[in-house]
Amino acid sequence: MKYGAKNKINARVTEVKKGDIMSQVNLEIDAKAAMSSVMTTDSLNELDIKPGDNVRVIVKAIHVLLVKE
């Protein structure tokens, strides 16, 4: 998958909070920090992201996007 953002971080999904419209994915990264991403529930379902999955965190401007490769 191609994307323009240059800031990429590998992460493991620790928790998924699904809502009707938006969902939150909590992440564990190698650094001593934690991150979260908020996305539409449709995107969450399409990517089939669940706790324990390894994802790549793409940071672009104010957005934190998840890519499952």
N, C-alpha and C. Protein backbone atom coordinates (compact mmCIF):
# COMPACT_ATOMS: atom_id res chain seq x y z
N MET A 1 0.84 -1.17 0.00
CA MET A 1 0.00 0.00 0.00
C MET A 1 0.89 1.24 0.00
N LYS A 2 0.57 2.22 -0.82
CA LYS A 2 1.33 3.45 -0.88
C LYS A 2 0.64 4.54 -0.06
N TYR A 3 1.44 5.34 0.63
CA TYR A 3 0.93 6.48 1.38
C TYR A 3 2.04 7.51 1.44
N GLY A 4 1.65 8.80 1.53
CA GLY A 4 2.61 9.88 1.44
C GLY A 4 3.33 10.22 2.73
N ALA A 5 2.82 9.83 3.86
CA ALA A 5 3.42 10.20 5.14
C ALA A 5 4.76 9.50 5.33
N LYS A 6 5.71 10.18 5.94
CA LYS A 6 7.05 9.63 6.16
C LYS A 6 7.27 9.12 7.58
N ASN A 7 6.45 9.53 8.53
CA ASN A 7 6.61 9.12 9.92
C ASN A 7 5.86 7.82 10.16
N LYS A 8 6.60 6.71 10.30
CA LYS A 8 5.99 5.39 10.43
C LYS A 8 6.50 4.71 11.70
N ILE A 9 5.60 4.11 12.47
CA ILE A 9 5.95 3.44 13.72
C ILE A 9 5.25 2.08 13.73
N ASN A 10 5.99 1.02 14.03
CA ASN A 10 5.37 -0.28 14.19
C ASN A 10 4.74 -0.36 15.57
N ALA A 11 3.57 -0.99 15.67
CA ALA A 11 2.83 -1.04 16.93
C ALA A 11 2.02 -2.33 17.01
N ARG A 12 1.57 -2.65 18.25
CA ARG A 12 0.68 -3.78 18.49
C ARG A 12 -0.61 -3.24 19.08
N VAL A 13 -1.74 -3.71 18.56
CA VAL A 13 -3.05 -3.27 19.03
C VAL A 13 -3.30 -3.89 20.41
N THR A 14 -3.61 -3.05 21.41
CA THR A 14 -3.88 -3.56 22.75
C THR A 14 -5.36 -3.56 23.09
N GLU A 15 -6.14 -2.69 22.45
CA GLU A 15 -7.56 -2.61 22.76
C GLU A 15 -8.29 -1.92 21.62
N VAL A 16 -9.50 -2.36 21.34
CA VAL A 16 -10.36 -1.72 20.35
C VAL A 16 -11.67 -1.35 21.04
N LYS A 17 -12.04 -0.06 20.94
CA LYS A 17 -13.31 0.41 21.49
C LYS A 17 -14.19 0.80 20.30
N LYS A 18 -15.16 -0.07 19.95
CA LYS A 18 -16.01 0.14 18.79
C LYS A 18 -17.23 0.98 19.15
N GLY A 19 -17.51 1.96 18.31
CA GLY A 19 -18.72 2.75 18.44
C GLY A 19 -19.57 2.57 17.19
N ASP A 20 -20.74 3.18 17.17
CA ASP A 20 -21.61 3.08 15.99
C ASP A 20 -20.99 3.76 14.77
N ILE A 21 -20.35 4.91 14.98
CA ILE A 21 -19.79 5.68 13.87
C ILE A 21 -18.27 5.72 13.93
N MET A 22 -17.70 5.99 15.10
CA MET A 22 -16.25 6.10 15.26
C MET A 22 -15.76 5.03 16.23
N SER A 23 -14.50 4.64 16.08
CA SER A 23 -13.89 3.64 16.96
C SER A 23 -12.51 4.10 17.36
N GLN A 24 -12.04 3.65 18.52
CA GLN A 24 -10.71 3.99 19.02
C GLN A 24 -9.87 2.72 19.11
N VAL A 25 -8.63 2.80 18.63
CA VAL A 25 -7.69 1.69 18.70
C VAL A 25 -6.52 2.11 19.56
N ASN A 26 -6.29 1.43 20.69
CA ASN A 26 -5.14 1.72 21.56
C ASN A 26 -3.98 0.84 21.14
N LEU A 27 -2.78 1.41 21.21
CA LEU A 27 -1.58 0.79 20.65
C LEU A 27 -0.45 0.73 21.65
N GLU A 28 0.41 -0.27 21.49
CA GLU A 28 1.66 -0.37 22.25
C GLU A 28 2.80 -0.23 21.25
N ILE A 29 3.72 0.69 21.54
CA ILE A 29 4.87 0.90 20.64
C ILE A 29 6.15 0.59 21.40
N ASP A 30 7.27 0.45 20.67
CA ASP A 30 8.55 0.10 21.29
C ASP A 30 9.03 1.16 22.27
N ALA A 31 8.79 2.42 21.97
CA ALA A 31 9.23 3.50 22.86
C ALA A 31 8.42 3.46 24.14
N LYS A 32 8.86 4.16 25.16
CA LYS A 32 8.13 4.20 26.42
C LYS A 32 6.97 5.19 26.30
N ALA A 33 6.01 4.81 25.49
CA ALA A 33 4.84 5.66 25.26
C ALA A 33 3.72 4.79 24.72
N ALA A 34 2.52 5.32 24.76
CA ALA A 34 1.36 4.65 24.17
C ALA A 34 0.69 5.63 23.23
N MET A 35 -0.02 5.10 22.26
CA MET A 35 -0.70 5.94 21.28
C MET A 35 -2.10 5.39 21.07
N SER A 36 -2.97 6.24 20.52
CA SER A 36 -4.32 5.82 20.13
C SER A 36 -4.63 6.42 18.78
N SER A 37 -5.52 5.77 18.07
CA SER A 37 -6.02 6.29 16.79
C SER A 37 -7.53 6.21 16.80
N VAL A 38 -8.19 7.25 16.32
CA VAL A 38 -9.64 7.25 16.19
C VAL A 38 -9.95 7.18 14.70
N MET A 39 -10.86 6.26 14.33
CA MET A 39 -11.22 6.07 12.93
C MET A 39 -12.70 5.73 12.84
N THR A 40 -13.23 5.76 11.64
CA THR A 40 -14.62 5.34 11.49
C THR A 40 -14.71 3.85 11.77
N THR A 41 -15.84 3.43 12.27
CA THR A 41 -16.04 2.01 12.54
C THR A 41 -16.03 1.22 11.24
N ASP A 42 -16.50 1.82 10.14
CA ASP A 42 -16.43 1.14 8.84
C ASP A 42 -14.98 0.84 8.47
N SER A 43 -14.07 1.80 8.69
CA SER A 43 -12.65 1.58 8.40
C SER A 43 -12.08 0.49 9.30
N LEU A 44 -12.45 0.52 10.59
CA LEU A 44 -11.99 -0.49 11.53
C LEU A 44 -12.41 -1.88 11.07
N ASN A 45 -13.67 -2.02 10.67
CA ASN A 45 -14.16 -3.31 10.20
C ASN A 45 -13.49 -3.73 8.90
N GLU A 46 -13.27 -2.79 7.98
CA GLU A 46 -12.63 -3.10 6.70
C GLU A 46 -11.20 -3.59 6.89
N LEU A 47 -10.47 -2.96 7.83
CA LEU A 47 -9.10 -3.37 8.11
C LEU A 47 -9.03 -4.61 9.00
N ASP A 48 -10.16 -4.98 9.61
CA ASP A 48 -10.25 -6.14 10.50
C ASP A 48 -9.20 -6.06 11.61
N ILE A 49 -9.10 -4.87 12.23
CA ILE A 49 -8.13 -4.65 13.31
C ILE A 49 -8.72 -5.15 14.63
N LYS A 50 -7.91 -5.93 15.35
CA LYS A 50 -8.35 -6.46 16.64
C LYS A 50 -7.17 -6.51 17.59
N PRO A 51 -7.43 -6.60 18.91
CA PRO A 51 -6.33 -6.67 19.88
C PRO A 51 -5.35 -7.79 19.53
N GLY A 52 -4.06 -7.49 19.65
CA GLY A 52 -2.99 -8.44 19.34
C GLY A 52 -2.44 -8.30 17.94
N ASP A 53 -3.15 -7.60 17.04
CA ASP A 53 -2.66 -7.39 15.67
C ASP A 53 -1.45 -6.46 15.68
N ASN A 54 -0.52 -6.69 14.77
CA ASN A 54 0.59 -5.77 14.55
C ASN A 54 0.19 -4.85 13.40
N VAL A 55 0.37 -3.56 13.60
CA VAL A 55 0.01 -2.56 12.60
C VAL A 55 1.16 -1.57 12.46
N ARG A 56 1.12 -0.78 11.42
CA ARG A 56 2.06 0.33 11.25
C ARG A 56 1.29 1.61 11.51
N VAL A 57 1.83 2.48 12.34
CA VAL A 57 1.21 3.76 12.67
C VAL A 57 1.79 4.80 11.71
N ILE A 58 0.93 5.46 10.97
CA ILE A 58 1.34 6.50 10.03
C ILE A 58 0.90 7.84 10.62
N VAL A 59 1.87 8.71 10.90
CA VAL A 59 1.57 10.01 11.49
C VAL A 59 1.72 11.07 10.41
N LYS A 60 0.63 11.75 10.11
CA LYS A 60 0.67 12.80 9.08
C LYS A 60 -0.13 13.98 9.60
N ALA A 61 0.55 15.09 9.80
CA ALA A 61 -0.07 16.31 10.33
C ALA A 61 -0.78 15.98 11.64
N ILE A 62 -2.07 16.20 11.73
CA ILE A 62 -2.79 15.94 12.98
C ILE A 62 -3.41 14.55 13.01
N HIS A 63 -3.25 13.77 11.95
CA HIS A 63 -3.89 12.47 11.86
C HIS A 63 -2.95 11.34 12.21
N VAL A 64 -3.46 10.33 12.90
CA VAL A 64 -2.72 9.10 13.18
C VAL A 64 -3.49 7.99 12.48
N LEU A 65 -2.93 7.45 11.40
CA LEU A 65 -3.59 6.43 10.60
C LEU A 65 -2.96 5.08 10.85
N LEU A 66 -3.73 4.01 10.76
CA LEU A 66 -3.22 2.66 10.93
C LEU A 66 -3.22 1.93 9.60
N VAL A 67 -2.16 1.17 9.33
CA VAL A 67 -2.03 0.36 8.13
C VAL A 67 -1.75 -1.06 8.57
N LYS A 68 -2.53 -2.01 8.10
CA LYS A 68 -2.32 -3.42 8.43
C LYS A 68 -1.80 -4.09 7.17
N GLU A 69 -0.51 -4.50 7.20
CA GLU A 69 0.12 -5.08 6.00
C GLU A 69 0.39 -6.55 6.19
